[in-house]
Amino acid sequence: GPNHFSASADNVTVDAQGHLHLRITQRDGLWSCAEVINKESLGYGTYRFYLNTSPESLDPQVILGLFTWHDDPAYGHREIDIEVSRWGRANNKNAQFVVQPYTNLNNMVRFQIPPDLSSSTHSFTWKADSIFFQSIKGSDAASPESNDVILQRTFTKNIPKPGGENPRINLWLMSGRAPANGKEAEVIISKFEYIPPQR
Protein backbone atom coordinates (compact mmCIF):
# COMPACT_ATOMS: atom_id res chain seq x y z
CA GLY A 1 0.00 0.00 0.00
CA PRO A 2 0.98 3.68 -0.27
CA ASN A 3 2.80 3.92 3.06
CA HIS A 4 5.38 6.47 4.17
CA PHE A 5 8.38 4.74 5.75
CA SER A 6 10.43 6.88 8.10
CA ALA A 7 14.11 6.71 9.08
CA SER A 8 13.37 8.62 12.28
CA ALA A 9 14.24 7.30 15.74
CA ASP A 10 10.56 7.95 16.46
CA ASN A 11 9.87 4.89 14.31
CA VAL A 12 12.84 2.55 14.78
CA THR A 13 14.94 2.17 17.95
CA VAL A 14 16.85 -0.46 19.88
CA ASP A 15 16.55 -0.26 23.66
CA ALA A 16 19.13 -0.98 26.37
CA GLN A 17 18.14 -4.67 26.38
CA GLY A 18 18.81 -4.96 22.65
CA HIS A 19 15.11 -5.17 21.78
CA LEU A 20 13.93 -3.69 18.50
CA HIS A 21 11.01 -1.23 18.70
CA LEU A 22 9.07 -0.48 15.52
CA ARG A 23 6.44 2.25 15.64
CA ILE A 24 3.77 3.77 13.46
CA THR A 25 3.59 7.45 14.34
CA GLN A 26 1.55 10.47 13.31
CA ARG A 27 3.15 13.87 12.88
CA ASP A 28 1.35 16.86 11.34
CA GLY A 29 -1.26 14.65 9.72
CA LEU A 30 1.27 12.20 8.19
CA TRP A 31 1.33 8.59 9.37
CA SER A 32 4.84 7.12 9.23
CA CYS A 33 5.67 3.41 9.25
CA ALA A 34 8.82 1.42 10.04
CA GLU A 35 10.98 -1.24 8.38
CA VAL A 36 14.38 -2.80 8.98
CA ILE A 37 16.27 -4.77 6.33
CA ASN A 38 19.14 -7.17 6.93
CA LYS A 39 22.13 -6.20 4.79
CA GLU A 40 22.94 -9.84 4.02
CA SER A 41 21.09 -12.39 1.93
CA LEU A 42 20.96 -15.62 3.94
CA GLY A 43 19.25 -18.21 1.70
CA TYR A 44 18.08 -21.60 2.97
CA GLY A 45 17.82 -22.07 6.73
CA THR A 46 15.62 -21.18 9.69
CA TYR A 47 14.46 -17.60 10.25
CA ARG A 48 13.11 -17.01 13.76
CA PHE A 49 11.42 -13.87 15.11
CA TYR A 50 10.70 -13.35 18.83
CA LEU A 51 7.70 -11.07 19.34
CA ASN A 52 7.14 -9.34 22.70
CA THR A 53 3.84 -7.72 21.80
CA SER A 54 0.30 -9.09 21.93
CA PRO A 55 -1.22 -9.22 18.43
CA GLU A 56 -4.51 -8.18 19.98
CA SER A 57 -2.99 -4.81 20.84
CA LEU A 58 -2.67 -3.99 17.14
CA ASP A 59 -5.38 -2.04 15.36
CA PRO A 60 -7.05 -3.97 12.50
CA GLN A 61 -5.37 -1.63 9.97
CA VAL A 62 -1.86 -2.41 11.27
CA ILE A 63 0.31 -5.14 9.69
CA LEU A 64 3.47 -6.65 11.15
CA GLY A 65 5.56 -8.39 8.50
CA LEU A 66 8.29 -10.95 9.26
CA PHE A 67 9.57 -12.00 5.86
CA THR A 68 12.10 -12.26 3.04
CA TRP A 69 11.98 -10.07 -0.06
CA HIS A 70 13.89 -9.28 -3.26
CA ASP A 71 13.03 -6.49 -5.70
CA ASP A 72 13.42 -8.96 -8.59
CA PRO A 73 9.92 -10.36 -9.25
CA ALA A 74 11.21 -13.91 -9.88
CA TYR A 75 9.68 -16.54 -7.57
CA GLY A 76 7.11 -14.07 -6.25
CA HIS A 77 9.93 -11.71 -5.16
CA ARG A 78 11.23 -14.65 -3.06
CA GLU A 79 8.71 -13.46 -0.49
CA ILE A 80 8.13 -15.83 2.41
CA ASP A 81 5.78 -14.21 4.94
CA ILE A 82 4.65 -14.45 8.49
CA GLU A 83 2.17 -11.61 8.85
CA VAL A 84 0.36 -10.52 11.98
CA SER A 85 -2.74 -8.54 11.07
CA ARG A 86 -6.51 -8.63 10.87
CA TRP A 87 -6.32 -6.92 7.46
CA GLY A 88 -8.82 -4.19 8.22
CA ARG A 89 -11.51 -6.45 9.71
CA ALA A 90 -11.95 -6.41 13.49
CA ASN A 91 -13.31 -9.97 13.60
CA ASN A 92 -10.70 -11.47 11.27
CA LYS A 93 -8.06 -14.00 12.33
CA ASN A 94 -4.87 -12.19 13.28
CA ALA A 95 -2.03 -14.06 11.55
CA GLN A 96 -1.03 -15.90 8.38
CA PHE A 97 1.74 -17.92 6.76
CA VAL A 98 2.28 -17.20 3.06
CA VAL A 99 4.55 -18.33 0.25
CA GLN A 100 4.00 -15.70 -2.44
CA PRO A 101 2.10 -15.36 -4.65
CA TYR A 102 -0.75 -15.79 -2.15
CA THR A 103 -3.21 -16.19 -5.04
CA ASN A 104 -1.87 -19.69 -5.79
CA LEU A 105 -3.93 -22.46 -4.25
CA ASN A 106 -2.62 -23.61 -0.86
CA ASN A 107 0.02 -20.84 -0.65
CA MET A 108 -1.56 -19.25 2.42
CA VAL A 109 -3.04 -20.32 5.74
CA ARG A 110 -4.68 -17.94 8.21
CA PHE A 111 -4.86 -18.61 11.94
CA GLN A 112 -5.44 -17.05 15.34
CA ILE A 113 -2.70 -16.16 17.81
CA PRO A 114 -4.30 -16.28 21.30
CA PRO A 115 -5.29 -12.80 22.51
CA ASP A 116 -3.62 -12.95 25.93
CA LEU A 117 -0.09 -13.70 24.67
CA SER A 118 2.51 -11.06 25.41
CA SER A 119 5.31 -13.27 24.01
CA SER A 120 5.35 -15.53 20.96
CA THR A 121 7.88 -16.92 18.49
CA HIS A 122 7.39 -17.21 14.74
CA SER A 123 9.68 -19.01 12.32
CA PHE A 124 10.07 -20.61 8.94
CA THR A 125 12.60 -23.18 7.79
CA TRP A 126 13.32 -22.79 4.09
CA LYS A 127 14.62 -25.80 2.16
CA ALA A 128 14.92 -26.56 -1.54
CA ASP A 129 11.70 -28.60 -1.53
CA SER A 130 9.69 -27.19 1.37
CA ILE A 131 9.04 -24.37 3.82
CA PHE A 132 8.05 -25.31 7.36
CA PHE A 133 6.28 -22.55 9.32
CA GLN A 134 5.72 -22.54 13.06
CA SER A 135 4.21 -20.16 15.60
CA ILE A 136 4.50 -20.96 19.30
CA LYS A 137 3.54 -19.44 22.63
CA GLY A 138 6.47 -17.93 24.52
CA SER A 139 10.12 -18.00 23.53
CA ASP A 140 11.29 -21.60 24.01
CA ALA A 141 11.76 -22.15 20.30
CA ALA A 142 14.41 -24.85 20.64
CA SER A 143 12.09 -27.36 22.33
CA PRO A 144 8.50 -26.16 22.59
CA GLU A 145 5.93 -28.28 24.37
CA SER A 146 3.23 -29.60 22.06
CA ASN A 147 0.59 -27.47 23.78
CA ASP A 148 2.71 -24.36 23.10
CA VAL A 149 2.39 -24.76 19.33
CA ILE A 150 -0.16 -22.31 17.96
CA LEU A 151 0.14 -23.57 14.38
CA GLN A 152 2.69 -25.28 12.20
CA ARG A 153 2.38 -25.99 8.53
CA THR A 154 4.63 -27.31 5.74
CA PHE A 155 4.35 -25.91 2.21
CA THR A 156 5.72 -27.97 -0.68
CA LYS A 157 4.49 -26.03 -3.74
CA ASN A 158 5.99 -22.92 -5.39
CA ILE A 159 9.13 -23.02 -3.22
CA PRO A 160 11.47 -20.20 -4.30
CA LYS A 161 15.18 -20.64 -4.89
CA PRO A 162 17.49 -18.27 -2.97
CA GLY A 163 18.94 -15.32 -4.82
CA GLY A 164 19.58 -11.96 -3.22
CA GLU A 165 16.55 -11.78 -0.93
CA ASN A 166 16.92 -10.24 2.54
CA PRO A 167 15.10 -10.91 5.80
CA ARG A 168 13.00 -7.92 6.83
CA ILE A 169 10.66 -6.76 9.57
CA ASN A 170 8.12 -4.04 8.96
CA LEU A 171 5.14 -2.38 10.60
CA TRP A 172 2.75 -0.66 8.22
CA LEU A 173 -0.83 0.34 7.46
CA MET A 174 -3.22 -1.50 5.16
CA SER A 175 -3.69 0.59 2.01
CA GLY A 176 -1.94 3.45 3.83
CA ARG A 177 -5.12 4.21 5.79
CA ALA A 178 -4.89 5.55 9.35
CA PRO A 179 -5.53 3.14 12.24
CA ALA A 180 -9.25 2.79 12.94
CA ASN A 181 -8.64 3.71 16.58
CA GLY A 182 -6.65 6.81 15.54
CA LYS A 183 -3.74 5.76 17.76
CA GLU A 184 -0.05 5.20 17.09
CA ALA A 185 1.18 1.59 17.20
CA GLU A 186 4.29 -0.19 18.46
CA VAL A 187 5.71 -3.70 18.37
CA ILE A 188 8.76 -5.06 20.17
CA ILE A 189 10.97 -7.76 18.66
CA SER A 190 13.26 -9.15 21.35
CA LYS A 191 15.39 -11.15 18.94
CA PHE A 192 15.86 -12.32 15.36
CA GLU A 193 17.98 -15.36 14.65
CA TYR A 194 19.05 -17.25 11.57
CA ILE A 195 20.12 -20.90 11.75
CA PRO A 196 21.96 -22.23 8.68
CA PRO A 197 20.82 -25.58 7.26
CA GLN A 198 22.43 -28.64 8.80
CA ARG A 199 24.84 -30.44 6.50
C-alpha atoms as a PDB file:
ATOM      1  CA  GLY A   1       0.000   0.000   0.000  1.00  0.00           C
ATOM      2  CA  PRO A   2       0.975   3.681  -0.269  1.00  0.00           C
ATOM      3  CA  ASN A   3       2.797   3.916   3.063  1.00  0.00           C
ATOM      4  CA  HIS A   4       5.375   6.467   4.172  1.00  0.00           C
ATOM      5  CA  PHE A   5       8.377   4.744   5.750  1.00  0.00           C
ATOM      6  CA  SER A   6      10.431   6.878   8.095  1.00  0.00           C
ATOM      7  CA  ALA A   7      14.113   6.713   9.079  1.00  0.00           C
ATOM      8  CA  SER A   8      13.367   8.623  12.278  1.00  0.00           C
ATOM      9  CA  ALA A   9      14.242   7.296  15.735  1.00  0.00           C
ATOM     10  CA  ASP A  10      10.563   7.949  16.464  1.00  0.00           C
ATOM     11  CA  ASN A  11       9.874   4.894  14.309  1.00  0.00           C
ATOM     12  CA  VAL A  12      12.843   2.546  14.777  1.00  0.00           C
ATOM     13  CA  THR A  13      14.939   2.173  17.948  1.00  0.00           C
ATOM     14  CA  VAL A  14      16.850  -0.462  19.878  1.00  0.00           C
ATOM     15  CA  ASP A  15      16.545  -0.263  23.657  1.00  0.00           C
ATOM     16  CA  ALA A  16      19.130  -0.981  26.370  1.00  0.00           C
ATOM     17  CA  GLN A  17      18.141  -4.671  26.375  1.00  0.00           C
ATOM     18  CA  GLY A  18      18.808  -4.958  22.646  1.00  0.00           C
ATOM     19  CA  HIS A  19      15.114  -5.172  21.784  1.00  0.00           C
ATOM     20  CA  LEU A  20      13.927  -3.688  18.503  1.00  0.00           C
ATOM     21  CA  HIS A  21      11.012  -1.233  18.696  1.00  0.00           C
ATOM     22  CA  LEU A  22       9.067  -0.479  15.516  1.00  0.00           C
ATOM     23  CA  ARG A  23       6.438   2.254  15.641  1.00  0.00           C
ATOM     24  CA  ILE A  24       3.770   3.772  13.461  1.00  0.00           C
ATOM     25  CA  THR A  25       3.585   7.454  14.343  1.00  0.00           C
ATOM     26  CA  GLN A  26       1.548  10.475  13.314  1.00  0.00           C
ATOM     27  CA  ARG A  27       3.151  13.872  12.885  1.00  0.00           C
ATOM     28  CA  ASP A  28       1.354  16.864  11.342  1.00  0.00           C
ATOM     29  CA  GLY A  29      -1.263  14.648   9.722  1.00  0.00           C
ATOM     30  CA  LEU A  30       1.267  12.203   8.195  1.00  0.00           C
ATOM     31  CA  TRP A  31       1.325   8.586   9.370  1.00  0.00           C
ATOM     32  CA  SER A  32       4.843   7.122   9.228  1.00  0.00           C
ATOM     33  CA  CYS A  33       5.675   3.414   9.249  1.00  0.00           C
ATOM     34  CA  ALA A  34       8.824   1.416  10.036  1.00  0.00           C
ATOM     35  CA  GLU A  35      10.985  -1.240   8.375  1.00  0.00           C
ATOM     36  CA  VAL A  36      14.384  -2.796   8.979  1.00  0.00           C
ATOM     37  CA  ILE A  37      16.266  -4.774   6.333  1.00  0.00           C
ATOM     38  CA  ASN A  38      19.135  -7.168   6.933  1.00  0.00           C
ATOM     39  CA  LYS A  39      22.126  -6.197   4.789  1.00  0.00           C
ATOM     40  CA  GLU A  40      22.935  -9.843   4.019  1.00  0.00           C
ATOM     41  CA  SER A  41      21.093 -12.389   1.926  1.00  0.00           C
ATOM     42  CA  LEU A  42      20.955 -15.623   3.938  1.00  0.00           C
ATOM     43  CA  GLY A  43      19.252 -18.207   1.699  1.00  0.00           C
ATOM     44  CA  TYR A  44      18.083 -21.600   2.971  1.00  0.00           C
ATOM     45  CA  GLY A  45      17.823 -22.067   6.725  1.00  0.00           C
ATOM     46  CA  THR A  46      15.622 -21.177   9.689  1.00  0.00           C
ATOM     47  CA  TYR A  47      14.462 -17.603  10.255  1.00  0.00           C
ATOM     48  CA  ARG A  48      13.113 -17.012  13.757  1.00  0.00           C
ATOM     49  CA  PHE A  49      11.420 -13.873  15.114  1.00  0.00           C
ATOM     50  CA  TYR A  50      10.701 -13.353  18.825  1.00  0.00           C
ATOM     51  CA  LEU A  51       7.702 -11.069  19.338  1.00  0.00           C
ATOM     52  CA  ASN A  52       7.137  -9.341  22.698  1.00  0.00           C
ATOM     53  CA  THR A  53       3.835  -7.718  21.796  1.00  0.00           C
ATOM     54  CA  SER A  54       0.302  -9.090  21.935  1.00  0.00           C
ATOM     55  CA  PRO A  55      -1.216  -9.223  18.427  1.00  0.00           C
ATOM     56  CA  GLU A  56      -4.513  -8.176  19.976  1.00  0.00           C
ATOM     57  CA  SER A  57      -2.990  -4.810  20.843  1.00  0.00           C
ATOM     58  CA  LEU A  58      -2.675  -3.991  17.137  1.00  0.00           C
ATOM     59  CA  ASP A  59      -5.380  -2.037  15.362  1.00  0.00           C
ATOM     60  CA  PRO A  60      -7.055  -3.974  12.495  1.00  0.00           C
ATOM     61  CA  GLN A  61      -5.373  -1.633   9.972  1.00  0.00           C
ATOM     62  CA  VAL A  62      -1.858  -2.414  11.275  1.00  0.00           C
ATOM     63  CA  ILE A  63       0.308  -5.143   9.692  1.00  0.00           C
ATOM     64  CA  LEU A  64       3.474  -6.646  11.155  1.00  0.00           C
ATOM     65  CA  GLY A  65       5.555  -8.394   8.497  1.00  0.00           C
ATOM     66  CA  LEU A  66       8.290 -10.949   9.257  1.00  0.00           C
ATOM     67  CA  PHE A  67       9.571 -11.996   5.856  1.00  0.00           C
ATOM     68  CA  THR A  68      12.099 -12.258   3.037  1.00  0.00           C
ATOM     69  CA  TRP A  69      11.982 -10.073  -0.060  1.00  0.00           C
ATOM     70  CA  HIS A  70      13.889  -9.280  -3.259  1.00  0.00           C
ATOM     71  CA  ASP A  71      13.029  -6.492  -5.700  1.00  0.00           C
ATOM     72  CA  ASP A  72      13.420  -8.955  -8.586  1.00  0.00           C
ATOM     73  CA  PRO A  73       9.919 -10.361  -9.249  1.00  0.00           C
ATOM     74  CA  ALA A  74      11.215 -13.913  -9.878  1.00  0.00           C
ATOM     75  CA  TYR A  75       9.677 -16.542  -7.571  1.00  0.00           C
ATOM     76  CA  GLY A  76       7.111 -14.072  -6.246  1.00  0.00           C
ATOM     77  CA  HIS A  77       9.928 -11.711  -5.158  1.00  0.00           C
ATOM     78  CA  ARG A  78      11.227 -14.651  -3.063  1.00  0.00           C
ATOM     79  CA  GLU A  79       8.713 -13.458  -0.490  1.00  0.00           C
ATOM     80  CA  ILE A  80       8.133 -15.829   2.407  1.00  0.00           C
ATOM     81  CA  ASP A  81       5.785 -14.214   4.942  1.00  0.00           C
ATOM     82  CA  ILE A  82       4.653 -14.447   8.488  1.00  0.00           C
ATOM     83  CA  GLU A  83       2.169 -11.611   8.852  1.00  0.00           C
ATOM     84  CA  VAL A  84       0.363 -10.523  11.983  1.00  0.00           C
ATOM     85  CA  SER A  85      -2.741  -8.536  11.067  1.00  0.00           C
ATOM     86  CA  ARG A  86      -6.509  -8.627  10.872  1.00  0.00           C
ATOM     87  CA  TRP A  87      -6.318  -6.923   7.456  1.00  0.00           C
ATOM     88  CA  GLY A  88      -8.825  -4.191   8.216  1.00  0.00           C
ATOM     89  CA  ARG A  89     -11.514  -6.448   9.709  1.00  0.00           C
ATOM     90  CA  ALA A  90     -11.949  -6.405  13.490  1.00  0.00           C
ATOM     91  CA  ASN A  91     -13.314  -9.974  13.602  1.00  0.00           C
ATOM     92  CA  ASN A  92     -10.699 -11.473  11.271  1.00  0.00           C
ATOM     93  CA  LYS A  93      -8.063 -14.002  12.332  1.00  0.00           C
ATOM     94  CA  ASN A  94      -4.874 -12.190  13.278  1.00  0.00           C
ATOM     95  CA  ALA A  95      -2.030 -14.059  11.548  1.00  0.00           C
ATOM     96  CA  GLN A  96      -1.032 -15.898   8.381  1.00  0.00           C
ATOM     97  CA  PHE A  97       1.738 -17.920   6.758  1.00  0.00           C
ATOM     98  CA  VAL A  98       2.280 -17.198   3.062  1.00  0.00           C
ATOM     99  CA  VAL A  99       4.550 -18.333   0.253  1.00  0.00           C
ATOM    100  CA  GLN A 100       4.000 -15.704  -2.437  1.00  0.00           C
ATOM    101  CA  PRO A 101       2.102 -15.362  -4.646  1.00  0.00           C
ATOM    102  CA  TYR A 102      -0.745 -15.791  -2.154  1.00  0.00           C
ATOM    103  CA  THR A 103      -3.211 -16.191  -5.037  1.00  0.00           C
ATOM    104  CA  ASN A 104      -1.871 -19.691  -5.792  1.00  0.00           C
ATOM    105  CA  LEU A 105      -3.930 -22.459  -4.250  1.00  0.00           C
ATOM    106  CA  ASN A 106      -2.619 -23.614  -0.860  1.00  0.00           C
ATOM    107  CA  ASN A 107       0.015 -20.843  -0.653  1.00  0.00           C
ATOM    108  CA  MET A 108      -1.559 -19.247   2.418  1.00  0.00           C
ATOM    109  CA  VAL A 109      -3.036 -20.321   5.739  1.00  0.00           C
ATOM    110  CA  ARG A 110      -4.679 -17.940   8.206  1.00  0.00           C
ATOM    111  CA  PHE A 111      -4.857 -18.614  11.945  1.00  0.00           C
ATOM    112  CA  GLN A 112      -5.444 -17.045  15.344  1.00  0.00           C
ATOM    113  CA  ILE A 113      -2.698 -16.157  17.810  1.00  0.00           C
ATOM    114  CA  PRO A 114      -4.296 -16.282  21.299  1.00  0.00           C
ATOM    115  CA  PRO A 115      -5.294 -12.797  22.514  1.00  0.00           C
ATOM    116  CA  ASP A 116      -3.623 -12.946  25.929  1.00  0.00           C
ATOM    117  CA  LEU A 117      -0.092 -13.700  24.668  1.00  0.00           C
ATOM    118  CA  SER A 118       2.512 -11.058  25.413  1.00  0.00           C
ATOM    119  CA  SER A 119       5.306 -13.265  24.008  1.00  0.00           C
ATOM    120  CA  SER A 120       5.350 -15.526  20.962  1.00  0.00           C
ATOM    121  CA  THR A 121       7.884 -16.915  18.495  1.00  0.00           C
ATOM    122  CA  HIS A 122       7.395 -17.212  14.738  1.00  0.00           C
ATOM    123  CA  SER A 123       9.684 -19.015  12.319  1.00  0.00           C
ATOM    124  CA  PHE A 124      10.072 -20.609   8.942  1.00  0.00           C
ATOM    125  CA  THR A 125      12.604 -23.180   7.793  1.00  0.00           C
ATOM    126  CA  TRP A 126      13.320 -22.794   4.087  1.00  0.00           C
ATOM    127  CA  LYS A 127      14.619 -25.800   2.159  1.00  0.00           C
ATOM    128  CA  ALA A 128      14.921 -26.557  -1.539  1.00  0.00           C
ATOM    129  CA  ASP A 129      11.704 -28.604  -1.534  1.00  0.00           C
ATOM    130  CA  SER A 130       9.687 -27.194   1.370  1.00  0.00           C
ATOM    131  CA  ILE A 131       9.037 -24.368   3.824  1.00  0.00           C
ATOM    132  CA  PHE A 132       8.048 -25.310   7.365  1.00  0.00           C
ATOM    133  CA  PHE A 133       6.276 -22.551   9.318  1.00  0.00           C
ATOM    134  CA  GLN A 134       5.724 -22.542  13.059  1.00  0.00           C
ATOM    135  CA  SER A 135       4.212 -20.156  15.601  1.00  0.00           C
ATOM    136  CA  ILE A 136       4.496 -20.960  19.302  1.00  0.00           C
ATOM    137  CA  LYS A 137       3.540 -19.441  22.630  1.00  0.00           C
ATOM    138  CA  GLY A 138       6.474 -17.930  24.524  1.00  0.00           C
ATOM    139  CA  SER A 139      10.117 -18.004  23.527  1.00  0.00           C
ATOM    140  CA  ASP A 140      11.294 -21.602  24.014  1.00  0.00           C
ATOM    141  CA  ALA A 141      11.763 -22.148  20.302  1.00  0.00           C
ATOM    142  CA  ALA A 142      14.412 -24.854  20.638  1.00  0.00           C
ATOM    143  CA  SER A 143      12.093 -27.364  22.334  1.00  0.00           C
ATOM    144  CA  PRO A 144       8.504 -26.161  22.590  1.00  0.00           C
ATOM    145  CA  GLU A 145       5.933 -28.282  24.372  1.00  0.00           C
ATOM    146  CA  SER A 146       3.226 -29.604  22.064  1.00  0.00           C
ATOM    147  CA  ASN A 147       0.593 -27.468  23.779  1.00  0.00           C
ATOM    148  CA  ASP A 148       2.714 -24.361  23.102  1.00  0.00           C
ATOM    149  CA  VAL A 149       2.385 -24.762  19.330  1.00  0.00           C
ATOM    150  CA  ILE A 150      -0.165 -22.314  17.960  1.00  0.00           C
ATOM    151  CA  LEU A 151       0.144 -23.572  14.378  1.00  0.00           C
ATOM    152  CA  GLN A 152       2.692 -25.284  12.202  1.00  0.00           C
ATOM    153  CA  ARG A 153       2.385 -25.993   8.527  1.00  0.00           C
ATOM    154  CA  THR A 154       4.633 -27.313   5.744  1.00  0.00           C
ATOM    155  CA  PHE A 155       4.348 -25.913   2.210  1.00  0.00           C
ATOM    156  CA  THR A 156       5.720 -27.971  -0.682  1.00  0.00           C
ATOM    157  CA  LYS A 157       4.488 -26.027  -3.741  1.00  0.00           C
ATOM    158  CA  ASN A 158       5.986 -22.922  -5.385  1.00  0.00           C
ATOM    159  CA  ILE A 159       9.131 -23.025  -3.219  1.00  0.00           C
ATOM    160  CA  PRO A 160      11.474 -20.197  -4.296  1.00  0.00           C
ATOM    161  CA  LYS A 161      15.182 -20.642  -4.892  1.00  0.00           C
ATOM    162  CA  PRO A 162      17.492 -18.273  -2.970  1.00  0.00           C
ATOM    163  CA  GLY A 163      18.943 -15.320  -4.825  1.00  0.00           C
ATOM    164  CA  GLY A 164      19.584 -11.963  -3.219  1.00  0.00           C
ATOM    165  CA  GLU A 165      16.552 -11.782  -0.926  1.00  0.00           C
ATOM    166  CA  ASN A 166      16.922 -10.236   2.543  1.00  0.00           C
ATOM    167  CA  PRO A 167      15.095 -10.912   5.800  1.00  0.00           C
ATOM    168  CA  ARG A 168      12.999  -7.921   6.830  1.00  0.00           C
ATOM    169  CA  ILE A 169      10.661  -6.757   9.567  1.00  0.00           C
ATOM    170  CA  ASN A 170       8.122  -4.037   8.961  1.00  0.00           C
ATOM    171  CA  LEU A 171       5.143  -2.378  10.601  1.00  0.00           C
ATOM    172  CA  TRP A 172       2.750  -0.658   8.221  1.00  0.00           C
ATOM    173  CA  LEU A 173      -0.831   0.345   7.459  1.00  0.00           C
ATOM    174  CA  MET A 174      -3.218  -1.496   5.160  1.00  0.00           C
ATOM    175  CA  SER A 175      -3.687   0.595   2.006  1.00  0.00           C
ATOM    176  CA  GLY A 176      -1.936   3.447   3.829  1.00  0.00           C
ATOM    177  CA  ARG A 177      -5.116   4.207   5.793  1.00  0.00           C
ATOM    178  CA  ALA A 178      -4.886   5.548   9.347  1.00  0.00           C
ATOM    179  CA  PRO A 179      -5.532   3.135  12.240  1.00  0.00           C
ATOM    180  CA  ALA A 180      -9.249   2.795  12.939  1.00  0.00           C
ATOM    181  CA  ASN A 181      -8.637   3.715  16.575  1.00  0.00           C
ATOM    182  CA  GLY A 182      -6.651   6.810  15.545  1.00  0.00           C
ATOM    183  CA  LYS A 183      -3.735   5.761  17.761  1.00  0.00           C
ATOM    184  CA  GLU A 184      -0.048   5.198  17.087  1.00  0.00           C
ATOM    185  CA  ALA A 185       1.183   1.589  17.202  1.00  0.00           C
ATOM    186  CA  GLU A 186       4.287  -0.191  18.462  1.00  0.00           C
ATOM    187  CA  VAL A 187       5.711  -3.702  18.366  1.00  0.00           C
ATOM    188  CA  ILE A 188       8.758  -5.063  20.166  1.00  0.00           C
ATOM    189  CA  ILE A 189      10.971  -7.756  18.658  1.00  0.00           C
ATOM    190  CA  SER A 190      13.260  -9.146  21.351  1.00  0.00           C
ATOM    191  CA  LYS A 191      15.393 -11.151  18.937  1.00  0.00           C
ATOM    192  CA  PHE A 192      15.856 -12.319  15.360  1.00  0.00           C
ATOM    193  CA  GLU A 193      17.979 -15.355  14.647  1.00  0.00           C
ATOM    194  CA  TYR A 194      19.053 -17.247  11.568  1.00  0.00           C
ATOM    195  CA  ILE A 195      20.116 -20.903  11.752  1.00  0.00           C
ATOM    196  CA  PRO A 196      21.958 -22.234   8.676  1.00  0.00           C
ATOM    197  CA  PRO A 197      20.819 -25.577   7.260  1.00  0.00           C
ATOM    198  CA  GLN A 198      22.432 -28.635   8.798  1.00  0.00           C
ATOM    199  CA  ARG A 199      24.838 -30.436   6.503  1.00  0.00           C
END
